[in-house]
Protein backbone atom coordinates (compact mmCIF):
# COMPACT_ATOMS: atom_id res chain seq x y z
CA MET A 1 95.17 68.75 99.07
CA ALA A 2 96.85 66.39 96.39
CA GLY A 3 100.17 65.28 97.72
CA ALA A 4 99.32 65.65 101.42
CA ARG A 5 100.84 63.49 103.83
CA PRO A 6 97.69 61.15 105.15
CA ARG A 7 97.84 62.92 108.75
CA THR A 8 97.98 66.20 107.16
CA ALA A 9 95.22 65.38 104.96
CA VAL A 10 92.82 64.13 107.67
CA ARG A 11 93.53 67.41 109.88
CA THR A 12 91.83 69.57 107.38
CA ALA A 13 89.27 66.99 105.85
CA VAL A 14 86.47 68.09 108.25
CA VAL A 15 86.85 71.42 107.03
CA TRP A 16 87.09 70.50 103.23
CA GLU A 17 83.96 68.43 103.72
CA VAL A 18 81.89 71.37 105.23
CA LEU A 19 83.14 73.41 102.36
CA ARG A 20 82.17 71.32 99.75
CA ASP A 21 78.75 71.35 101.34
CA ALA A 22 78.62 75.00 101.61
CA LEU A 23 79.55 75.25 97.72
CA ALA A 24 77.01 72.83 96.64
CA SER A 25 74.66 74.93 98.65
CA LEU A 26 75.64 78.36 97.41
CA SER A 27 75.67 77.17 93.74
CA PRO A 28 73.60 74.40 93.23
CA ASP A 29 74.51 74.11 89.58
CA GLY A 30 78.13 74.22 89.96
CA ALA A 31 78.61 77.96 88.53
CA PRO A 32 81.75 79.80 90.00
CA VAL A 33 81.40 81.84 93.51
CA ARG A 34 83.34 84.39 94.71
CA VAL A 35 85.31 83.33 97.73
CA LEU A 36 87.69 85.64 99.75
CA ASP A 37 90.35 83.91 101.90
CA ALA A 38 91.09 86.53 105.17
CA GLY A 39 94.52 85.60 106.24
CA GLY A 40 95.08 82.57 103.72
CA GLY A 41 98.64 82.78 103.41
CA THR A 42 100.56 80.53 100.91
CA GLY A 43 97.11 79.37 99.34
CA GLY A 44 96.44 75.93 101.21
CA PHE A 45 92.68 76.46 100.99
CA ALA A 46 92.64 78.98 97.90
CA VAL A 47 94.37 77.28 95.41
CA PRO A 48 92.39 73.97 95.80
CA LEU A 49 89.47 76.12 95.71
CA ALA A 50 90.72 78.00 92.30
CA GLU A 51 91.15 74.24 90.92
CA LEU A 52 87.33 73.52 91.52
CA GLY A 53 86.95 76.94 89.11
CA HIS A 54 86.01 79.34 91.61
CA ALA A 55 87.31 83.04 91.74
CA VAL A 56 89.56 83.66 95.04
CA THR A 57 91.02 86.45 96.34
CA VAL A 58 93.61 86.21 99.35
CA VAL A 59 94.21 89.12 101.90
CA ASP A 60 97.26 88.39 103.99
CA PRO A 61 99.55 90.70 105.48
CA SER A 62 102.56 88.82 104.49
CA PRO A 63 104.40 89.42 101.22
CA ASP A 64 106.58 86.31 101.82
CA SER A 65 103.15 84.23 101.93
CA LEU A 66 101.56 85.77 99.19
CA ALA A 67 104.55 85.29 97.18
CA ALA A 68 104.55 81.78 97.76
CA LEU A 69 100.79 81.74 96.87
CA GLU A 70 101.26 83.19 93.69
CA ARG A 71 104.22 80.54 92.75
CA ARG A 72 101.47 78.09 94.24
CA ALA A 73 98.79 79.31 91.83
CA ALA A 74 101.03 79.34 89.03
CA GLU A 75 102.20 75.83 89.25
CA SER A 76 98.68 74.59 89.41
CA GLY A 77 97.53 76.64 86.70
CA THR A 78 95.07 78.66 88.67
CA SER A 79 97.02 82.11 88.38
CA GLY A 80 93.96 83.76 86.51
CA GLN A 81 91.63 82.82 89.31
CA VAL A 82 93.46 83.56 92.18
CA HIS A 83 94.00 87.29 93.34
CA ALA A 84 96.49 88.05 96.09
CA VAL A 85 96.19 91.10 97.90
CA GLN A 86 98.47 92.67 100.94
CA GLY A 87 96.18 93.52 103.23
CA ASP A 88 94.39 92.41 106.64
CA LEU A 89 90.85 92.10 108.25
CA ALA A 90 91.22 95.56 109.81
CA GLY A 91 91.40 96.91 106.31
CA LEU A 92 88.71 94.67 104.36
CA ASP A 93 86.42 97.19 103.66
CA ASP A 94 89.07 98.85 101.46
CA VAL A 95 89.49 95.43 100.00
CA VAL A 96 86.32 94.26 98.88
CA ALA A 97 83.06 96.12 98.18
CA ALA A 98 80.29 95.41 100.72
CA GLY A 99 78.12 92.40 99.94
CA SER A 100 80.42 91.33 97.14
CA VAL A 101 81.55 87.78 98.68
CA ASP A 102 79.95 84.57 98.29
CA LEU A 103 82.14 82.87 100.79
CA LEU A 104 84.36 84.01 103.31
CA LEU A 105 87.38 81.98 104.82
CA CYS A 106 88.40 83.22 108.01
CA HIS A 107 90.64 80.57 109.29
CA SER A 108 93.17 80.76 112.09
CA VAL A 109 92.87 84.77 111.82
CA LEU A 110 90.78 85.47 115.41
CA GLU A 111 93.47 84.23 117.49
CA VAL A 112 96.06 86.90 116.45
CA VAL A 113 93.74 89.90 115.31
CA ASP A 114 93.61 92.97 117.72
CA ASP A 115 90.02 93.04 117.97
CA PRO A 116 88.08 89.78 116.86
CA ALA A 117 84.39 91.52 117.11
CA ALA A 118 85.39 93.81 115.02
CA ALA A 119 87.36 91.22 112.34
CA LEU A 120 84.17 89.34 112.51
CA ALA A 121 81.83 92.60 111.42
CA ALA A 122 84.21 93.22 108.51
CA VAL A 123 83.45 89.35 107.21
CA ALA A 124 79.86 90.20 107.58
CA ARG A 125 79.56 93.59 105.80
CA ALA A 126 81.84 91.87 103.00
CA LEU A 127 79.22 88.81 102.43
CA ARG A 128 76.17 89.20 100.51
CA PRO A 129 72.75 88.25 102.02
CA GLY A 130 72.80 84.45 101.90
CA GLY A 131 76.33 84.22 101.52
CA MET A 132 78.28 82.09 104.19
CA ALA A 133 81.72 82.27 106.34
CA SER A 134 83.67 79.49 107.38
CA ILE A 135 85.31 80.42 110.75
CA LEU A 136 88.41 78.16 111.88
CA ALA A 137 89.90 79.31 115.46
CA ALA A 138 91.90 77.64 118.15
CA ASN A 139 90.06 75.87 121.15
CA ARG A 140 91.15 77.04 124.64
CA VAL A 141 90.08 73.55 126.37
CA ALA A 142 92.34 71.65 123.86
CA ALA A 143 95.12 73.79 124.63
CA VAL A 144 94.95 73.36 127.97
CA LEU A 145 94.84 69.48 127.74
CA ALA A 146 97.94 69.37 125.21
CA ARG A 147 100.10 71.23 127.68
CA VAL A 148 99.07 68.99 130.58
CA ALA A 149 99.86 66.00 128.46
CA ALA A 150 103.36 67.71 127.76
CA GLY A 151 103.86 68.26 131.13
CA ARG A 152 103.86 72.10 130.93
CA LEU A 153 101.64 72.57 133.67
CA ALA A 154 102.33 75.96 134.96
CA GLU A 155 101.46 77.19 131.19
CA ALA A 156 98.25 75.28 131.20
CA HIS A 157 97.13 76.76 134.45
CA ARG A 158 97.82 80.23 132.99
CA LEU A 159 96.14 79.30 129.62
CA LEU A 160 93.16 78.24 131.62
CA ASP A 161 92.96 81.20 133.86
CA ASP A 162 93.69 83.76 131.38
CA PRO A 163 90.53 85.52 130.05
CA SER A 164 91.76 85.55 126.46
CA GLY A 165 93.23 81.89 126.66
CA TRP A 166 96.72 83.22 126.37
CA ALA A 167 99.44 80.91 127.37
CA GLY A 168 102.15 83.68 128.40
CA GLU A 169 105.46 85.06 126.76
CA GLY A 170 106.52 83.00 123.73
CA ASP A 171 102.67 82.18 123.06
CA PRO A 172 102.32 82.68 119.49
CA LEU A 173 98.50 83.61 119.74
CA SER A 174 96.93 86.10 121.41
CA ARG A 175 93.80 84.27 122.14
CA ARG A 176 91.69 80.91 122.23
CA PHE A 177 88.20 80.55 122.39
CA THR A 178 85.62 78.18 123.83
CA VAL A 179 82.67 76.83 121.89
CA ASP A 180 80.26 79.37 123.68
CA GLU A 181 82.94 82.35 123.28
CA LEU A 182 83.10 81.70 119.36
CA SER A 183 79.42 81.17 118.90
CA ALA A 184 78.74 84.54 120.80
CA LEU A 185 80.94 86.34 118.70
CA VAL A 186 79.58 85.17 115.23
CA VAL A 187 76.10 85.76 116.64
CA ALA A 188 77.18 89.45 117.39
CA ALA A 189 78.70 90.10 114.38
CA GLY A 190 74.96 89.43 112.78
CA LEU A 191 75.69 85.80 111.63
CA ALA A 192 73.75 82.64 111.93
CA PRO A 193 75.77 79.66 112.67
CA ARG A 194 74.54 77.17 110.55
CA VAL A 195 76.72 74.34 112.29
CA THR A 196 80.13 73.82 114.56
CA HIS A 197 82.27 71.33 113.98
CA GLY A 198 85.24 69.93 115.85
CA VAL A 199 88.45 69.89 114.12
CA ARG A 200 91.58 67.76 114.60
CA VAL A 201 89.73 65.75 117.65
CA PHE A 202 92.28 63.02 117.35
CA ALA A 203 94.29 63.85 114.65
CA ASP A 204 97.41 65.64 116.66
CA ILE A 205 97.45 63.12 119.10
CA VAL A 206 98.20 60.24 117.04
CA PRO A 207 101.69 59.21 116.09
CA ALA A 208 102.50 60.56 112.52
CA ALA A 209 104.43 57.84 112.14
CA LEU A 210 101.61 55.33 112.45
CA VAL A 211 99.47 57.11 110.01
CA ASP A 212 101.65 58.44 107.71
CA GLY A 213 103.20 54.77 107.20
CA ASP A 214 99.69 52.88 107.09
CA ALA A 215 96.96 53.74 104.55
CA ASP A 216 94.46 51.79 107.10
CA ALA A 217 95.18 53.72 109.76
CA ALA A 218 94.68 56.98 108.19
CA ARG A 219 91.35 55.96 106.61
CA GLU A 220 90.41 54.71 110.45
CA LEU A 221 91.61 58.12 111.92
CA LEU A 222 89.54 60.01 109.13
CA ALA A 223 86.61 57.98 109.82
CA LEU A 224 86.92 58.65 113.42
CA GLU A 225 87.41 62.56 112.87
CA GLN A 226 84.29 62.71 110.78
CA ALA A 227 82.46 60.48 113.27
CA ALA A 228 83.42 62.79 116.24
CA ALA A 229 83.26 66.17 114.42
CA GLU A 230 79.58 67.39 115.11
CA ARG A 231 79.34 65.59 118.75
CA PRO A 232 79.13 68.19 121.53
CA ASP A 233 81.84 66.68 123.77
CA TYR A 234 84.17 65.71 121.47
CA ILE A 235 83.68 69.33 119.89
CA ALA A 236 84.51 71.02 123.22
CA VAL A 237 88.08 69.05 123.15
CA ALA A 238 88.86 69.34 119.47
CA ALA A 239 92.26 71.26 118.52
CA ALA A 240 90.28 73.73 116.33
CA LEU A 241 86.41 75.07 116.18
CA HIS A 242 85.01 75.68 112.92
CA VAL A 243 81.59 77.32 112.41
CA LEU A 244 79.96 77.75 109.11
CA ALA A 245 77.92 80.84 109.47
CA ASP A 246 75.10 82.42 107.17
CA ARG A 247 74.71 86.25 106.09
CA THR A 248 71.51 86.80 106.93
């Protein structure tokens, strides 16, 4: 997160807060844990986790993203702790042994995979008993509201009515989730939700110029995000939903 613009940092701050708590729970003595970042791309989470001393494997289908990840790891001095593997959740069983991962990140992946239920089942198999999954996915409700605010009413209606939360041609995501839908998928995979957060409740609607140009505004926005993150009414309208779940 070092060097990130204020609003960019706020957009991920709630997730990082949850991850820090998860790491402290998984390793009270601060010893390195085994992390797998499924769909981790260029290493926005993987490299900072490696900088904390953890061993991180990133599985991503894009060779370009993995190349950027390796450059980023080299620049940060963490090349020895970051392992890049080309692949996806559908082939996760071929990448890591069952029950071998302490913390698994599945961020912005369920929206694009062919079968979210199968993907989360693979996540559960990779985790050791007592391990944790950090699951981040797009929120259907927020996407509808954003399109209405932008005047794209027909697209908002399509997204509202579509069973998967797809907005039609040109939509880069195959689906979005409500809080209940995502929670049900997590439980069906054999994971136990520990806590659910709303991510980017306000960050996407605050003008970037205001926050990036005013340190006090950035701090106030961060405080707002943290205050609203676990309140059900605000989780429902957050741009993304974040579930931290245990492998029992």
